[in-house]
N, C-alpha and C. Protein backbone atom coordinates (compact mmCIF):
# COMPACT_ATOMS: atom_id res chain seq x y z
N MET A 1 85.30 107.24 91.30
CA MET A 1 85.45 106.86 92.46
C MET A 1 86.21 105.48 92.34
N ALA A 2 86.97 104.76 93.56
CA ALA A 2 87.25 104.05 93.42
C ALA A 2 86.26 102.94 93.93
N LYS A 3 86.25 101.78 93.55
CA LYS A 3 84.96 100.59 94.40
C LYS A 3 85.51 100.94 96.07
N ALA A 4 84.63 100.95 96.73
CA ALA A 4 84.84 100.69 97.85
C ALA A 4 84.93 99.30 98.41
N PRO A 5 85.79 98.86 99.67
CA PRO A 5 85.89 97.30 99.80
C PRO A 5 84.45 97.07 100.51
N THR A 6 84.31 95.56 99.75
CA THR A 6 82.91 95.18 100.90
C THR A 6 83.21 95.49 101.80
N ARG A 7 84.16 95.10 102.69
CA ARG A 7 84.18 95.36 104.45
C ARG A 7 84.76 96.29 104.71
N LYS A 8 83.47 96.82 105.30
CA LYS A 8 83.61 98.39 105.80
C LYS A 8 84.38 98.81 107.06
N ILE A 9 85.66 99.01 106.84
CA ILE A 9 86.69 99.60 107.60
C ILE A 9 87.11 100.98 108.09
N ILE A 10 87.70 101.28 108.94
CA ILE A 10 87.83 102.44 109.84
C ILE A 10 89.28 102.55 109.52
N ILE A 11 89.35 104.02 109.00
CA ILE A 11 90.61 104.48 108.27
C ILE A 11 90.98 105.32 109.28
N ALA A 12 92.03 105.68 110.34
CA ALA A 12 91.97 106.76 111.50
C ALA A 12 93.62 107.28 110.75
N ILE A 13 93.36 108.76 111.03
CA ILE A 13 94.51 109.66 110.80
C ILE A 13 94.73 110.61 111.26
N ASP A 14 95.89 110.59 111.98
CA ASP A 14 96.71 111.45 112.97
C ASP A 14 97.35 112.31 112.78
N GLY A 15 98.28 113.35 113.37
CA GLY A 15 98.65 114.27 112.66
C GLY A 15 99.10 115.64 113.75
N THR A 16 100.13 116.25 113.08
CA THR A 16 100.20 117.42 113.72
C THR A 16 99.72 118.57 113.48
N ALA A 17 98.91 119.50 114.17
CA ALA A 17 98.28 120.56 113.85
C ALA A 17 99.02 121.19 111.66
N GLY A 18 98.40 121.52 110.77
CA GLY A 18 98.66 122.24 109.69
C GLY A 18 99.77 121.12 108.83
N SER A 19 99.37 119.99 109.18
CA SER A 19 99.82 118.76 108.28
C SER A 19 99.33 118.34 107.22
N GLY A 20 97.92 118.87 106.88
CA GLY A 20 96.83 118.28 106.34
C GLY A 20 96.00 117.26 106.18
N LYS A 21 95.92 116.74 107.65
CA LYS A 21 94.52 116.01 107.96
C LYS A 21 93.64 115.86 107.34
N SER A 22 92.98 116.94 107.30
CA SER A 22 91.62 117.46 107.03
C SER A 22 91.55 117.34 105.57
N THR A 23 92.53 117.46 104.79
CA THR A 23 92.10 117.72 103.25
C THR A 23 92.62 116.12 103.17
N LEU A 24 93.29 115.24 103.23
CA LEU A 24 93.97 113.89 103.33
C LEU A 24 92.32 113.32 103.91
N ALA A 25 91.81 113.30 104.73
CA ALA A 25 90.55 112.82 104.69
C ALA A 25 89.83 112.94 104.14
N ALA A 26 89.37 114.27 103.50
CA ALA A 26 88.26 114.66 102.74
C ALA A 26 88.31 113.66 101.46
N LEU A 27 89.74 113.70 101.09
CA LEU A 27 89.86 113.28 99.98
C LEU A 27 90.08 111.20 99.86
N LEU A 28 90.32 110.63 100.75
CA LEU A 28 90.46 109.27 101.22
C LEU A 28 88.88 108.85 101.35
N ALA A 29 88.07 109.86 102.00
CA ALA A 29 86.41 109.55 102.26
C ALA A 29 85.80 109.87 100.97
N ARG A 30 86.44 110.42 99.63
CA ARG A 30 85.62 110.79 98.25
C ARG A 30 85.64 109.31 97.79
N ARG A 31 87.10 108.93 97.32
CA ARG A 31 87.41 107.93 96.66
C ARG A 31 86.97 107.11 97.28
N TYR A 32 86.79 106.41 98.33
CA TYR A 32 86.05 104.82 98.65
C TYR A 32 84.78 105.22 99.32
N GLY A 33 83.67 106.38 99.04
CA GLY A 33 82.90 106.46 99.39
C GLY A 33 82.32 106.11 101.27
N TYR A 34 83.27 106.97 101.98
CA TYR A 34 83.24 107.10 103.35
C TYR A 34 82.55 108.15 104.08
N ILE A 35 82.32 107.82 104.68
CA ILE A 35 82.12 109.18 105.59
C ILE A 35 83.09 109.56 106.52
N ASN A 36 83.39 110.97 106.32
CA ASN A 36 84.11 111.74 106.72
C ASN A 36 84.21 113.00 107.96
N ILE A 37 84.48 111.51 109.36
CA ILE A 37 84.41 112.15 110.94
C ILE A 37 85.97 113.15 110.96
N GLU A 38 85.24 114.78 110.83
CA GLU A 38 86.23 115.26 111.35
C GLU A 38 86.27 115.77 112.74
N THR A 39 87.31 115.32 113.49
CA THR A 39 86.93 115.75 115.12
C THR A 39 87.42 116.99 115.71
N GLY A 40 88.51 117.47 114.67
CA GLY A 40 89.16 118.98 114.82
C GLY A 40 87.71 119.63 115.28
N ALA A 41 86.48 119.75 113.97
CA ALA A 41 85.64 120.19 114.09
C ALA A 41 85.10 120.34 114.82
N MET A 42 84.80 119.25 115.78
CA MET A 42 83.79 119.30 117.07
C MET A 42 84.64 119.70 118.26
N TYR A 43 85.91 119.94 118.48
CA TYR A 43 87.02 120.47 119.34
C TYR A 43 85.89 122.03 119.00
N ARG A 44 86.20 122.67 118.29
CA ARG A 44 85.98 123.66 117.95
C ARG A 44 84.60 124.21 118.07
N ALA A 45 83.49 123.22 117.82
CA ALA A 45 82.62 123.46 118.04
C ALA A 45 82.13 123.62 119.37
N LEU A 46 82.39 123.21 120.14
CA LEU A 46 82.45 123.08 121.58
C LEU A 46 83.07 124.11 122.10
N ALA A 47 84.20 124.78 122.05
CA ALA A 47 85.26 126.11 122.34
C ALA A 47 83.87 126.75 122.09
N LEU A 48 83.76 127.24 120.69
CA LEU A 48 82.97 128.16 120.13
C LEU A 48 81.41 128.38 121.21
N LYS A 49 80.61 127.25 121.31
CA LYS A 49 79.79 127.41 122.53
C LYS A 49 80.12 127.77 123.72
N ALA A 50 81.63 127.35 124.45
CA ALA A 50 81.82 128.02 126.02
C ALA A 50 82.08 129.63 125.73
N MET A 51 82.58 129.94 124.59
CA MET A 51 82.94 131.68 124.15
C MET A 51 81.95 132.20 124.30
N GLU A 52 80.69 131.88 123.29
CA GLU A 52 79.82 132.21 123.82
C GLU A 52 79.11 132.31 125.20
N LYS A 53 79.18 131.33 125.50
CA LYS A 53 78.04 131.20 127.10
C LYS A 53 79.03 131.90 127.95
N GLY A 54 80.16 132.54 127.94
CA GLY A 54 81.12 132.83 128.87
C GLY A 54 81.79 131.64 129.72
N VAL A 55 81.82 130.44 129.28
CA VAL A 55 82.62 129.44 129.97
C VAL A 55 84.05 129.53 129.67
N SER A 56 85.02 129.45 130.75
CA SER A 56 86.41 129.80 130.62
C SER A 56 86.84 128.28 130.11
N LEU A 57 87.77 128.54 129.56
CA LEU A 57 88.42 127.59 128.19
C LEU A 57 89.20 126.53 128.96
N ASP A 58 89.44 127.03 130.78
CA ASP A 58 90.55 126.65 131.60
C ASP A 58 90.00 125.66 132.07
N ASP A 59 88.57 125.51 132.26
CA ASP A 59 87.93 125.05 133.65
C ASP A 59 87.32 123.69 132.78
N GLY A 60 87.93 122.81 133.11
CA GLY A 60 87.86 121.39 132.32
C GLY A 60 86.24 120.82 132.90
N GLU A 61 86.02 120.72 134.16
CA GLU A 61 84.62 120.47 134.39
C GLU A 61 83.62 121.16 133.77
N ALA A 62 83.61 122.24 134.24
CA ALA A 62 82.53 123.45 133.75
C ALA A 62 82.48 122.76 131.73
N LEU A 63 83.88 122.58 130.99
CA LEU A 63 83.65 122.52 129.57
C LEU A 63 82.80 120.99 129.36
N ALA A 64 83.39 120.19 130.83
CA ALA A 64 82.78 118.55 130.22
C ALA A 64 81.63 118.79 130.38
N ARG A 65 80.54 119.40 131.44
CA ARG A 65 79.29 120.22 131.60
C ARG A 65 78.55 120.31 130.78
N LEU A 66 79.07 120.95 129.97
CA LEU A 66 78.67 122.12 128.52
C LEU A 66 78.74 120.88 127.84
N ALA A 67 79.66 120.03 127.46
CA ALA A 67 79.58 119.68 126.43
C ALA A 67 78.72 118.43 126.63
N ARG A 68 77.94 117.85 127.89
CA ARG A 68 76.84 117.19 127.78
C ARG A 68 75.67 117.42 127.61
N GLN A 69 75.92 119.13 127.65
CA GLN A 69 74.17 119.72 127.09
C GLN A 69 74.31 119.59 125.94
N THR A 70 75.16 119.71 124.91
CA THR A 70 75.37 120.19 123.90
C THR A 70 74.93 118.94 122.49
N ASN A 71 75.04 119.19 121.57
CA ASN A 71 74.91 118.47 120.30
C ASN A 71 75.38 118.70 119.50
N ILE A 72 76.64 118.01 119.13
CA ILE A 72 77.09 118.38 117.45
C ILE A 72 76.84 117.54 116.31
N GLU A 73 76.80 117.86 115.27
CA GLU A 73 76.27 116.86 114.45
C GLU A 73 77.19 117.52 112.97
N LEU A 74 77.83 116.52 112.25
CA LEU A 74 78.81 116.75 111.01
C LEU A 74 78.05 116.23 110.29
N GLN A 75 77.72 116.82 108.90
CA GLN A 75 76.49 116.19 107.76
C GLN A 75 77.82 116.16 106.71
N ALA A 76 78.14 115.28 106.03
CA ALA A 76 79.12 115.29 104.56
C ALA A 76 77.81 115.88 103.43
N ARG A 77 79.50 116.90 103.13
CA ARG A 77 78.88 117.47 101.81
C ARG A 77 80.14 117.38 100.63
N PRO A 78 79.99 117.63 99.32
CA PRO A 78 81.63 117.28 98.57
C PRO A 78 82.40 118.11 98.85
N GLU A 79 82.09 119.32 99.23
CA GLU A 79 83.35 120.43 99.95
C GLU A 79 83.63 120.71 101.30
N GLY A 80 83.09 119.12 101.78
CA GLY A 80 83.29 119.32 103.16
C GLY A 80 82.27 119.04 104.02
N ASN A 81 82.30 118.73 105.69
CA ASN A 81 81.69 118.60 106.49
C ASN A 81 81.05 120.30 106.79
N ARG A 82 79.42 119.49 106.84
CA ARG A 82 78.49 121.14 107.36
C ARG A 82 78.43 120.96 109.07
N VAL A 83 79.04 121.75 109.71
CA VAL A 83 79.44 121.56 111.28
C VAL A 83 77.77 122.29 111.82
N LEU A 84 76.85 121.62 112.67
CA LEU A 84 75.80 122.30 113.69
C LEU A 84 75.71 121.86 114.68
N LEU A 85 75.63 122.93 115.41
CA LEU A 85 75.75 123.28 117.30
C LEU A 85 74.24 123.23 117.30
N ASP A 86 74.15 122.23 118.11
CA ASP A 86 72.70 122.83 118.66
C ASP A 86 71.94 123.08 117.66
N GLY A 87 71.89 122.33 116.40
CA GLY A 87 70.65 122.62 115.82
C GLY A 87 71.05 123.67 114.47
N LYS A 88 72.33 124.93 114.64
CA LYS A 88 72.63 126.06 114.20
C LYS A 88 73.91 125.76 113.18
N ASP A 89 73.94 126.14 112.30
CA ASP A 89 75.06 126.13 111.30
C ASP A 89 76.28 126.90 111.63
N VAL A 90 77.06 126.81 111.86
CA VAL A 90 78.34 127.01 112.92
C VAL A 90 79.07 126.76 111.59
N THR A 91 79.26 126.11 110.73
CA THR A 91 80.41 125.48 109.49
C THR A 91 81.46 126.36 109.28
N GLU A 92 81.45 127.54 108.89
CA GLU A 92 81.81 128.99 108.41
C GLU A 92 82.88 129.52 110.05
N ARG A 93 81.82 130.15 111.34
CA ARG A 93 82.64 130.29 112.19
C ARG A 93 83.43 129.29 112.79
N VAL A 94 83.28 128.35 112.88
CA VAL A 94 84.23 127.32 113.87
C VAL A 94 85.66 127.41 113.20
N ARG A 95 85.99 127.82 111.43
CA ARG A 95 87.47 128.06 111.07
C ARG A 95 88.11 129.27 111.26
N GLN A 96 87.48 129.96 112.06
CA GLN A 96 87.91 130.89 112.40
C GLN A 96 89.04 130.68 113.23
N GLN A 97 89.72 132.22 113.21
CA GLN A 97 90.91 131.86 114.02
C GLN A 97 90.86 131.87 115.43
N ASP A 98 89.93 132.35 116.28
CA ASP A 98 89.62 132.32 117.90
C ASP A 98 89.20 131.73 118.01
N VAL A 99 88.20 131.00 117.16
CA VAL A 99 87.49 129.22 117.77
C VAL A 99 88.16 128.59 117.58
N THR A 100 89.64 128.54 116.38
CA THR A 100 90.59 127.88 116.30
C THR A 100 91.95 127.53 117.32
N ASP A 101 91.78 128.94 118.28
CA ASP A 101 92.65 128.95 119.24
C ASP A 101 92.17 128.39 120.31
N GLY A 102 90.91 128.35 120.83
CA GLY A 102 90.51 128.31 121.80
C GLY A 102 90.31 126.42 121.63
N ALA A 103 90.08 125.95 120.55
CA ALA A 103 89.72 124.47 120.34
C ALA A 103 91.12 123.68 120.92
N SER A 104 92.21 124.16 120.74
CA SER A 104 93.54 124.00 121.09
C SER A 104 93.76 123.90 123.07
N ARG A 105 93.07 124.40 123.29
CA ARG A 105 93.05 124.87 124.69
C ARG A 105 91.59 124.11 125.28
N VAL A 106 90.11 124.01 124.75
CA VAL A 106 90.07 123.09 124.90
C VAL A 106 90.37 121.54 125.08
N SER A 107 90.79 121.06 124.26
CA SER A 107 91.10 119.74 123.90
C SER A 107 92.36 119.41 125.19
N VAL A 108 92.67 120.05 125.92
CA VAL A 108 93.71 119.55 126.62
C VAL A 108 93.18 118.76 128.43
N HIS A 109 91.65 119.16 128.25
CA HIS A 109 91.08 118.35 129.28
C HIS A 109 90.77 117.45 129.20
N CYS A 110 91.00 116.42 130.42
CA CYS A 110 90.72 114.97 130.53
C CYS A 110 89.31 114.70 130.46
N ALA A 111 88.24 115.33 130.82
CA ALA A 111 86.90 115.46 130.79
C ALA A 111 86.21 115.85 129.66
N VAL A 112 86.89 116.54 128.77
CA VAL A 112 86.14 116.82 127.55
C VAL A 112 87.02 115.58 126.18
N ARG A 113 87.82 115.19 126.59
CA ARG A 113 88.38 114.53 125.73
C ARG A 113 87.57 112.69 125.82
N GLU A 114 87.25 112.51 127.36
CA GLU A 114 86.64 111.69 127.82
C GLU A 114 85.28 111.56 126.75
N TRP A 115 84.65 112.69 127.13
CA TRP A 115 83.40 112.65 126.42
C TRP A 115 83.31 112.66 124.37
N MET A 116 84.01 113.35 124.22
CA MET A 116 84.83 113.68 122.82
C MET A 116 85.10 111.81 122.15
N VAL A 117 85.79 111.13 123.05
CA VAL A 117 86.05 110.11 122.86
C VAL A 117 84.73 109.42 122.20
N ASN A 118 84.34 109.15 123.35
CA ASN A 118 83.09 108.59 123.28
C ASN A 118 81.79 108.54 122.10
N SER A 119 81.71 110.03 121.96
CA SER A 119 81.02 110.92 121.16
C SER A 119 81.93 110.29 119.55
N GLN A 120 82.70 110.04 119.45
CA GLN A 120 83.21 109.78 117.78
C GLN A 120 83.47 108.16 117.78
N ARG A 121 83.59 107.60 118.80
CA ARG A 121 83.05 106.38 118.74
C ARG A 121 81.74 105.79 118.24
N LYS A 122 80.91 106.06 118.71
CA LYS A 122 79.36 105.85 118.53
C LYS A 122 79.42 106.27 117.24
N MET A 123 80.17 107.48 116.51
CA MET A 123 79.88 107.90 114.88
C MET A 123 80.52 107.01 114.09
N GLY A 124 81.52 106.23 114.61
CA GLY A 124 82.62 105.61 113.97
C GLY A 124 82.46 104.25 114.18
N GLU A 125 81.69 103.58 115.09
CA GLU A 125 82.10 102.00 115.43
C GLU A 125 81.25 101.20 113.96
N GLY A 126 80.68 101.52 113.19
CA GLY A 126 79.86 100.98 112.09
C GLY A 126 80.88 100.54 111.05
N GLY A 127 82.02 101.33 110.96
CA GLY A 127 83.11 101.31 110.02
C GLY A 127 82.61 102.35 108.65
N GLY A 128 83.31 102.16 107.41
CA GLY A 128 82.95 102.69 106.55
C GLY A 128 83.35 104.53 106.91
N VAL A 129 84.10 104.60 107.61
CA VAL A 129 84.83 106.21 108.21
C VAL A 129 86.10 106.43 108.06
N VAL A 130 86.09 107.65 107.46
CA VAL A 130 87.60 108.13 108.10
C VAL A 130 87.55 109.38 108.95
N MET A 131 88.18 108.85 109.95
CA MET A 131 88.60 109.80 110.91
C MET A 131 89.41 110.40 111.31
N GLU A 132 89.79 111.85 111.43
CA GLU A 132 91.62 112.29 111.64
C GLU A 132 91.15 113.39 112.89
N GLY A 133 92.02 113.11 113.65
CA GLY A 133 92.24 114.33 114.95
C GLY A 133 93.72 113.96 115.13
N ARG A 134 94.13 113.59 116.71
CA ARG A 134 95.44 113.61 117.51
C ARG A 134 95.45 112.61 118.39
N ASP A 135 94.62 111.62 118.62
CA ASP A 135 94.30 110.59 118.89
C ASP A 135 93.41 109.52 118.77
N ILE A 136 93.17 108.90 117.06
CA ILE A 136 92.23 108.44 116.96
C ILE A 136 92.89 106.94 116.45
N GLY A 137 93.73 106.97 116.33
CA GLY A 137 94.94 105.37 116.20
C GLY A 137 95.29 104.94 117.61
N THR A 138 95.13 105.93 118.71
CA THR A 138 95.89 105.88 119.68
C THR A 138 95.04 105.43 120.72
N LYS A 139 93.73 105.93 120.87
CA LYS A 139 92.69 106.29 121.71
C LYS A 139 91.37 106.00 121.22
N VAL A 140 90.66 106.80 120.54
CA VAL A 140 89.42 106.53 119.49
C VAL A 140 89.79 105.42 119.16
N PHE A 141 90.22 105.11 117.97
CA PHE A 141 90.19 103.81 117.34
C PHE A 141 91.61 103.12 117.52
N PRO A 142 91.62 102.34 118.83
CA PRO A 142 93.07 101.68 118.48
C PRO A 142 93.20 100.39 117.62
N HIS A 143 92.04 100.44 116.94
CA HIS A 143 92.14 98.62 116.82
C HIS A 143 91.71 99.19 115.24
N ALA A 144 91.85 100.41 114.63
CA ALA A 144 91.20 100.90 113.17
C ALA A 144 91.99 100.06 112.23
N GLN A 145 91.45 99.44 111.58
CA GLN A 145 92.31 98.79 110.67
C GLN A 145 93.21 99.14 109.64
N VAL A 146 93.05 100.73 108.99
CA VAL A 146 93.97 101.54 108.57
C VAL A 146 94.36 102.76 109.93
N LYS A 147 95.89 103.05 110.68
CA LYS A 147 96.18 104.14 111.04
C LYS A 147 97.48 104.69 109.45
N ILE A 148 97.38 106.09 109.69
CA ILE A 148 98.23 106.70 109.19
C ILE A 148 98.68 108.28 110.26
N PHE A 149 100.07 108.58 110.48
CA PHE A 149 100.54 109.52 110.92
C PHE A 149 100.80 110.61 110.05
N LEU A 150 100.69 111.68 110.47
CA LEU A 150 101.39 112.75 108.73
C LEU A 150 101.66 113.82 109.85
N ASP A 151 102.96 114.06 109.13
CA ASP A 151 103.63 115.32 109.93
C ASP A 151 104.42 115.72 108.78
N ALA A 152 104.98 116.98 109.02
CA ALA A 152 105.86 117.60 108.56
C ALA A 152 106.82 118.88 108.69
N HIS A 153 107.79 119.29 108.69
CA HIS A 153 108.48 119.84 109.40
C HIS A 153 108.10 121.43 109.60
N PRO A 154 107.95 121.68 110.58
CA PRO A 154 107.26 122.91 111.18
C PRO A 154 107.21 124.26 110.49
N GLU A 155 108.18 124.40 110.05
CA GLU A 155 108.02 125.87 109.27
C GLU A 155 107.26 125.54 107.88
N VAL A 156 107.73 124.13 107.16
CA VAL A 156 106.78 123.83 106.08
C VAL A 156 105.60 123.96 106.36
N ARG A 157 104.77 123.26 107.78
CA ARG A 157 103.36 123.10 107.75
C ARG A 157 102.88 125.07 107.82
N GLY A 158 103.57 125.36 108.90
CA GLY A 158 103.47 127.38 109.10
C GLY A 158 103.50 127.84 107.54
N SER A 159 104.41 127.52 106.86
CA SER A 159 104.14 128.35 105.68
C SER A 159 102.45 127.90 104.84
N ARG A 160 102.49 126.44 104.88
CA ARG A 160 101.56 126.14 104.19
C ARG A 160 99.84 126.88 104.91
N TRP A 161 100.17 126.89 106.08
CA TRP A 161 99.12 127.43 107.19
C TRP A 161 98.39 129.13 106.85
N PHE A 162 100.00 129.60 106.80
CA PHE A 162 100.16 131.03 106.24
C PHE A 162 99.21 130.91 104.87
N GLN A 163 99.22 130.34 103.98
CA GLN A 163 99.54 130.54 102.70
C GLN A 163 97.84 130.32 102.24
N GLN A 164 97.41 129.48 103.14
CA GLN A 164 96.11 129.12 103.06
C GLN A 164 95.22 130.48 103.32
N ALA A 165 95.74 131.06 104.46
CA ALA A 165 94.61 131.83 105.17
C ALA A 165 95.25 133.41 105.72
N PRO A 166 96.65 134.21 104.53
CA PRO A 166 96.83 134.94 104.94
C PRO A 166 96.92 136.47 105.89
N GLY A 167 95.07 136.65 105.85
CA GLY A 167 94.87 137.54 106.79
C GLY A 167 94.99 137.18 108.19
N ALA A 168 94.84 135.82 108.38
CA ALA A 168 94.42 135.28 109.73
C ALA A 168 95.30 135.80 110.77
N ALA A 169 96.88 136.50 110.46
CA ALA A 169 97.20 136.47 111.47
C ALA A 169 98.13 137.51 111.32
N PRO A 170 98.95 138.07 112.19
CA PRO A 170 100.20 139.57 111.52
C PRO A 170 100.94 139.16 110.44
N GLY A 171 101.49 138.04 110.79
CA GLY A 171 102.45 137.20 109.14
C GLY A 171 102.85 136.35 109.73
N GLN A 172 103.76 135.73 109.03
CA GLN A 172 103.85 134.24 109.06
C GLN A 172 104.57 133.75 110.43
N LYS A 173 105.76 134.49 110.88
CA LYS A 173 106.06 134.67 112.12
C LYS A 173 105.10 134.39 113.01
N SER A 174 103.88 134.86 113.36
CA SER A 174 103.16 134.72 114.05
C SER A 174 102.65 133.50 114.61
N VAL A 175 102.29 132.79 112.85
CA VAL A 175 101.51 131.61 112.27
C VAL A 175 102.71 130.72 112.92
N LEU A 176 103.84 131.04 112.94
CA LEU A 176 104.55 130.01 113.00
C LEU A 176 104.89 129.54 114.54
N ALA A 177 105.19 130.97 115.20
CA ALA A 177 104.73 130.74 116.75
C ALA A 177 103.58 130.28 117.38
N GLU A 178 102.27 130.18 116.42
CA GLU A 178 101.66 129.59 117.42
C GLU A 178 101.51 128.10 117.28
N LEU A 179 101.62 128.03 115.73
CA LEU A 179 102.10 126.18 115.57
C LEU A 179 102.96 125.41 116.34
N HIS A 180 104.13 126.23 116.87
CA HIS A 180 104.86 126.03 117.99
C HIS A 180 104.63 125.82 118.85
N ALA A 181 103.53 126.56 119.30
CA ALA A 181 102.64 126.45 120.95
C ALA A 181 101.51 125.16 120.78
N ARG A 182 100.85 125.34 119.44
CA ARG A 182 100.11 123.81 119.81
C ARG A 182 100.95 122.70 119.69
N ASP A 183 102.18 122.37 119.15
CA ASP A 183 102.43 121.34 119.03
C ASP A 183 103.10 121.26 120.29
N GLN A 184 103.46 121.90 121.50
CA GLN A 184 104.00 122.15 122.28
C GLN A 184 102.77 121.11 123.67
N ARG A 185 101.61 121.91 123.20
CA ARG A 185 100.23 121.75 124.44
C ARG A 185 99.89 120.22 123.68
N ASP A 186 99.97 120.00 122.09
CA ASP A 186 99.38 118.38 122.04
C ASP A 186 100.44 117.39 122.42
N ARG A 187 101.45 117.38 122.50
CA ARG A 187 102.79 116.78 122.73
C ARG A 187 102.93 116.18 124.45
N THR A 188 102.50 117.36 124.89
CA THR A 188 102.81 117.20 126.32
C THR A 188 101.29 117.21 127.47
N ARG A 189 100.04 117.14 126.57
CA ARG A 189 99.17 117.17 127.58
C ARG A 189 98.68 115.93 128.09
N ALA A 190 98.51 115.60 129.35
CA ALA A 190 98.05 114.75 130.46
C ALA A 190 97.34 113.83 129.63
N PRO A 191 96.00 113.99 129.18
CA PRO A 191 95.07 112.98 128.18
C PRO A 191 95.58 112.73 126.64
N SER A 192 95.87 111.24 126.37
CA SER A 192 96.06 111.40 125.14
C SER A 192 97.08 112.17 124.43
N PRO A 193 98.62 112.03 124.88
CA PRO A 193 99.21 112.91 123.99
C PRO A 193 99.41 112.69 122.68
N LEU A 194 99.68 113.77 121.96
CA LEU A 194 99.83 113.81 120.57
C LEU A 194 101.30 112.24 120.21
N GLU A 195 100.78 111.62 119.63
CA GLU A 195 102.39 110.64 119.28
C GLU A 195 101.99 109.38 118.50
N PRO A 196 102.54 108.83 117.54
CA PRO A 196 101.88 107.91 116.37
C PRO A 196 102.08 106.97 117.84
N ALA A 197 101.11 106.00 116.75
CA ALA A 197 100.38 104.34 117.71
C ALA A 197 101.16 103.18 116.95
N PRO A 198 101.91 102.49 117.98
CA PRO A 198 102.79 101.67 117.15
C PRO A 198 102.79 101.23 115.70
N ASP A 199 101.93 100.85 115.26
CA ASP A 199 101.10 100.24 113.98
C ASP A 199 101.15 100.81 112.91
N ALA A 200 100.57 103.01 113.31
CA ALA A 200 100.75 103.59 112.27
C ALA A 200 101.78 103.70 111.39
N VAL A 201 101.56 104.10 109.88
CA VAL A 201 102.29 104.33 108.48
C VAL A 201 102.63 105.94 108.76
N LEU A 202 103.99 106.27 108.97
CA LEU A 202 103.89 107.59 109.07
C LEU A 202 104.23 108.09 107.73
N ILE A 203 103.50 109.31 107.18
CA ILE A 203 103.83 110.03 105.87
C ILE A 203 104.07 111.30 106.24
N ASP A 204 105.60 111.36 105.65
CA ASP A 204 106.12 112.62 105.96
C ASP A 204 106.20 113.13 104.79
N SER A 205 105.44 114.74 104.97
CA SER A 205 104.93 115.40 103.63
C SER A 205 105.64 116.73 103.28
N THR A 206 106.83 116.90 103.99
CA THR A 206 107.83 117.89 103.77
C THR A 206 108.38 118.55 102.49
N GLU A 207 108.51 117.19 101.76
CA GLU A 207 109.32 117.29 100.59
C GLU A 207 108.07 116.60 99.34
N LEU A 208 106.67 116.55 100.17
CA LEU A 208 105.49 116.21 99.01
C LEU A 208 104.80 116.67 98.81
N ASP A 209 103.78 116.76 97.84
CA ASP A 209 102.55 117.60 97.63
C ASP A 209 101.54 116.99 97.49
N LEU A 210 100.48 117.56 97.63
CA LEU A 210 99.02 116.84 98.06
C LEU A 210 98.85 115.27 97.39
N GLU A 211 99.24 115.82 95.72
CA GLU A 211 98.64 114.59 95.21
C GLU A 211 99.75 113.23 95.86
N GLN A 212 101.22 113.57 96.04
CA GLN A 212 101.72 112.44 96.85
C GLN A 212 101.62 111.82 97.69
N VAL A 213 100.72 112.77 98.30
CA VAL A 213 100.80 112.40 100.17
C VAL A 213 98.99 111.31 100.11
N PHE A 214 98.43 111.82 99.07
CA PHE A 214 97.31 111.12 98.82
C PHE A 214 97.87 109.84 97.86
N GLN A 215 98.10 109.83 96.72
CA GLN A 215 98.86 108.25 96.45
C GLN A 215 99.38 107.32 97.69
N ARG A 216 100.03 108.26 98.33
CA ARG A 216 100.96 107.36 99.19
C ARG A 216 99.43 106.92 100.35
N ALA A 217 98.84 107.50 100.26
CA ALA A 217 97.50 107.39 101.81
C ALA A 217 97.00 106.09 100.69
N VAL A 218 96.78 106.06 99.68
CA VAL A 218 95.57 105.04 98.73
C VAL A 218 96.75 103.60 98.89
N GLU A 219 97.94 103.55 98.45
CA GLU A 219 98.57 102.45 98.63
C GLU A 219 98.45 101.79 99.98
N ILE A 220 98.45 102.54 101.59
CA ILE A 220 98.47 101.74 102.25
C ILE A 220 97.61 101.19 102.81
N VAL A 221 95.83 102.32 102.51
CA VAL A 221 94.68 101.85 102.25
C VAL A 221 94.76 100.12 101.58
N GLU A 222 94.95 100.61 100.37
CA GLU A 222 94.74 99.25 99.85
C GLU A 222 95.48 98.32 100.10
N SER A 223 96.69 98.29 100.78
CA SER A 223 97.37 97.18 101.30
C SER A 223 96.72 96.30 102.53
N LYS A 224 95.63 96.96 102.82
CA LYS A 224 95.13 96.51 104.17
C LYS A 224 94.07 96.27 103.83
N ILE A 225 93.38 96.36 102.86
CA ILE A 225 91.80 95.58 102.04
C ILE A 225 91.92 94.76 101.34
N GLY A 226 93.33 94.31 100.34
CA GLY A 226 93.42 93.65 99.42
C GLY A 226 93.20 93.43 98.47
């Protein structure tokens, strides 16, 4: 593990679906001894609770009320965050495709995002965190010392996604179609549309492997911490 900077900073990683944000965040957190706050897991946990309670994923106000009655906890582990929903371990369940699809619908609601942003700020306000999502550098922590925006060509992201879970959908074309739909929702939603922060550093991983992306991110972080 590299020596962590004396001054605990916030590393914000945003990007498109399937671009590898979670993997990169986990690697950076491990390198610097930081806490990895996976915001996507928080949306998936709320979507799961809504599905279990029969709350419509299209009713923003009802979802916001549900959120205020919900406790979502992320516990750091070497192999990835453990996700607790009201004290129950839902780590594996929130990775399943129906919950992932539901989280994409839940995330478009202003009231839900406001609750999430407040929760995420509390979790990371002390620094020493890597936080990944879609509006971390623009909305949650606009003053983060390091901002990275990760992207890749949709076909490349779709191929990687399919290879990770080939049985999760009828076929690669289905995965790509869902990816395009999620990109459209993310970029056009009213609250916090997906876009790079003005001072974010873009990493296009279309022609890069994981090690190359990681090394580029390390260069960005260490250029900031000096």
